[in-house]
C-alpha atoms as a PDB file:
ATOM      1  CA  UNK A   1       3.543  14.668   8.697  1.00  0.00           C
ATOM      2  CA  UNK A   2       3.439  10.836   8.465  1.00  0.00           C
ATOM      3  CA  UNK A   3       5.302   8.630  10.938  1.00  0.00           C
ATOM      4  CA  UNK A   4       6.267   5.021  10.810  1.00  0.00           C
ATOM      5  CA  UNK A   5       3.710   4.045  13.461  1.00  0.00           C
ATOM      6  CA  UNK A   6       1.098   5.847  11.373  1.00  0.00           C
ATOM      7  CA  UNK A   7       2.241   3.865   8.295  1.00  0.00           C
ATOM      8  CA  UNK A   8       2.049   0.594  10.171  1.00  0.00           C
ATOM      9  CA  UNK A   9      -1.465   1.476  11.290  1.00  0.00           C
ATOM     10  CA  UNK A  10      -2.478   2.132   7.626  1.00  0.00           C
ATOM     11  CA  UNK A  11      -0.861  -1.192   6.623  1.00  0.00           C
ATOM     12  CA  UNK A  12      -2.895  -3.045   9.252  1.00  0.00           C
ATOM     13  CA  UNK A  13      -6.002  -1.287   8.127  1.00  0.00           C
ATOM     14  CA  UNK A  14      -5.287  -2.215   4.474  1.00  0.00           C
ATOM     15  CA  UNK A  15      -4.667  -5.806   5.435  1.00  0.00           C
ATOM     16  CA  UNK A  16      -7.890  -5.955   7.456  1.00  0.00           C
ATOM     17  CA  UNK A  17      -9.897  -4.412   4.664  1.00  0.00           C
ATOM     18  CA  UNK A  18      -8.467  -6.850   2.151  1.00  0.00           C
ATOM     19  CA  UNK A  19      -9.272  -9.785   4.435  1.00  0.00           C
ATOM     20  CA  UNK A  20     -12.770  -8.440   5.095  1.00  0.00           C
ATOM     21  CA  UNK A  21     -13.950  -8.281   1.485  1.00  0.00           C
ATOM     22  CA  UNK A  22     -14.893 -11.200  -0.734  1.00  0.00           C
ATOM     23  CA  UNK A  23     -15.282  -9.014  -3.837  1.00  0.00           C
ATOM     24  CA  UNK A  24     -11.602  -8.569  -4.602  1.00  0.00           C
ATOM     25  CA  UNK A  25     -10.338 -10.934  -7.303  1.00  0.00           C
ATOM     26  CA  UNK A  26      -7.379 -13.193  -6.806  1.00  0.00           C
ATOM     27  CA  UNK A  27      -5.096 -11.154  -8.934  1.00  0.00           C
ATOM     28  CA  UNK A  28      -5.890  -7.953  -7.004  1.00  0.00           C
ATOM     29  CA  UNK A  29      -5.366  -9.841  -3.664  1.00  0.00           C
ATOM     30  CA  UNK A  30      -1.979 -10.987  -4.853  1.00  0.00           C
ATOM     31  CA  UNK A  31      -1.001  -7.534  -5.962  1.00  0.00           C
ATOM     32  CA  UNK A  32      -1.923  -6.013  -2.591  1.00  0.00           C
ATOM     33  CA  UNK A  33      -0.222  -8.800  -0.781  1.00  0.00           C
ATOM     34  CA  UNK A  34       2.913  -8.256  -2.771  1.00  0.00           C
ATOM     35  CA  UNK A  35       2.786  -4.589  -2.087  1.00  0.00           C
ATOM     36  CA  UNK A  36       2.378  -5.088   1.628  1.00  0.00           C
ATOM     37  CA  UNK A  37       5.404  -7.473   1.640  1.00  0.00           C
ATOM     38  CA  UNK A  38       7.451  -4.966  -0.272  1.00  0.00           C
ATOM     39  CA  UNK A  39       6.514  -2.091   2.122  1.00  0.00           C
ATOM     40  CA  UNK A  40       7.494  -4.258   5.095  1.00  0.00           C
ATOM     41  CA  UNK A  41      10.810  -5.091   3.425  1.00  0.00           C
ATOM     42  CA  UNK A  42      11.427  -1.474   2.590  1.00  0.00           C
ATOM     43  CA  UNK A  43      10.889  -0.467   6.206  1.00  0.00           C
ATOM     44  CA  UNK A  44      13.396  -3.020   7.319  1.00  0.00           C
ATOM     45  CA  UNK A  45      16.297  -1.892   5.193  1.00  0.00           C
ATOM     46  CA  UNK A  46      15.059   1.233   3.312  1.00  0.00           C
ATOM     47  CA  UNK A  47      15.907  -0.315  -0.029  1.00  0.00           C
ATOM     48  CA  UNK A  48      17.458   1.612  -2.923  1.00  0.00           C
ATOM     49  CA  UNK A  49      15.946   4.547  -4.778  1.00  0.00           C
ATOM     50  CA  UNK A  50      14.888   2.381  -7.704  1.00  0.00           C
ATOM     51  CA  UNK A  51      13.020  -0.077  -5.546  1.00  0.00           C
ATOM     52  CA  UNK A  52      11.396   2.823  -3.607  1.00  0.00           C
ATOM     53  CA  UNK A  53      10.193   4.426  -6.830  1.00  0.00           C
ATOM     54  CA  UNK A  54       8.920   1.103  -8.222  1.00  0.00           C
ATOM     55  CA  UNK A  55       6.928   0.578  -5.023  1.00  0.00           C
ATOM     56  CA  UNK A  56       5.405   4.056  -5.253  1.00  0.00           C
ATOM     57  CA  UNK A  57       4.563   3.509  -8.983  1.00  0.00           C
ATOM     58  CA  UNK A  58       2.865   0.159  -8.113  1.00  0.00           C
ATOM     59  CA  UNK A  59       0.913   1.740  -5.282  1.00  0.00           C
ATOM     60  CA  UNK A  60      -0.293   4.440  -7.592  1.00  0.00           C
ATOM     61  CA  UNK A  61      -1.399   1.800 -10.102  1.00  0.00           C
ATOM     62  CA  UNK A  62      -3.225  -0.038  -7.376  1.00  0.00           C
ATOM     63  CA  UNK A  63      -4.994   3.118  -6.217  1.00  0.00           C
ATOM     64  CA  UNK A  64      -6.247   3.747  -9.721  1.00  0.00           C
ATOM     65  CA  UNK A  65      -7.236   0.174 -10.168  1.00  0.00           C
ATOM     66  CA  UNK A  66      -9.430   0.212  -7.096  1.00  0.00           C
ATOM     67  CA  UNK A  67     -10.878   3.763  -7.384  1.00  0.00           C
ATOM     68  CA  UNK A  68     -14.208   2.601  -8.961  1.00  0.00           C
ATOM     69  CA  UNK A  69     -14.462  -0.994  -7.783  1.00  0.00           C
ATOM     70  CA  UNK A  70     -13.153  -0.785  -4.208  1.00  0.00           C
ATOM     71  CA  UNK A  71     -13.071   2.889  -3.158  1.00  0.00           C
ATOM     72  CA  UNK A  72     -12.259   2.056   0.552  1.00  0.00           C
ATOM     73  CA  UNK A  73      -9.189   0.088  -0.532  1.00  0.00           C
ATOM     74  CA  UNK A  74      -8.238   2.830  -2.927  1.00  0.00           C
ATOM     75  CA  UNK A  75      -8.459   5.406  -0.060  1.00  0.00           C
ATOM     76  CA  UNK A  76      -6.346   3.249   2.236  1.00  0.00           C
ATOM     77  CA  UNK A  77      -3.678   2.592  -0.420  1.00  0.00           C
ATOM     78  CA  UNK A  78      -3.638   6.436  -0.985  1.00  0.00           C
ATOM     79  CA  UNK A  79      -3.019   7.017   2.758  1.00  0.00           C
ATOM     80  CA  UNK A  80      -0.176   4.509   2.656  1.00  0.00           C
ATOM     81  CA  UNK A  81       1.304   6.384  -0.320  1.00  0.00           C
ATOM     82  CA  UNK A  82       0.959   9.738   1.434  1.00  0.00           C
ATOM     83  CA  UNK A  83       2.589   8.441   4.584  1.00  0.00           C
ATOM     84  CA  UNK A  84       5.436   6.942   2.649  1.00  0.00           C
ATOM     85  CA  UNK A  85       5.941  10.254   0.873  1.00  0.00           C
ATOM     86  CA  UNK A  86       5.948  12.074   4.268  1.00  0.00           C
ATOM     87  CA  UNK A  87       8.605   9.671   5.456  1.00  0.00           C
ATOM     88  CA  UNK A  88      10.708  10.469   2.435  1.00  0.00           C
ATOM     89  CA  UNK A  89      10.106   7.153   0.752  1.00  0.00           C
END
């Protein structure tokens, strides 16, 4: 089962992977940056059900977007999604 420290570890990993690659276009970087900000906000106040579902949907979209072009990022985003699900988010 996922824990908040595990989630934070995945978020750091995602941030590091994003910073370590030059092949991610600006739009994708902005998308991932926005998702990271939203996850941190959600962890701070839990948000409402609509904002949580919107975040999950956007994470799923990001995973699909990166599956062929950036599989490592897709895998890490998938881990974040799994951990959020295990936390009940």
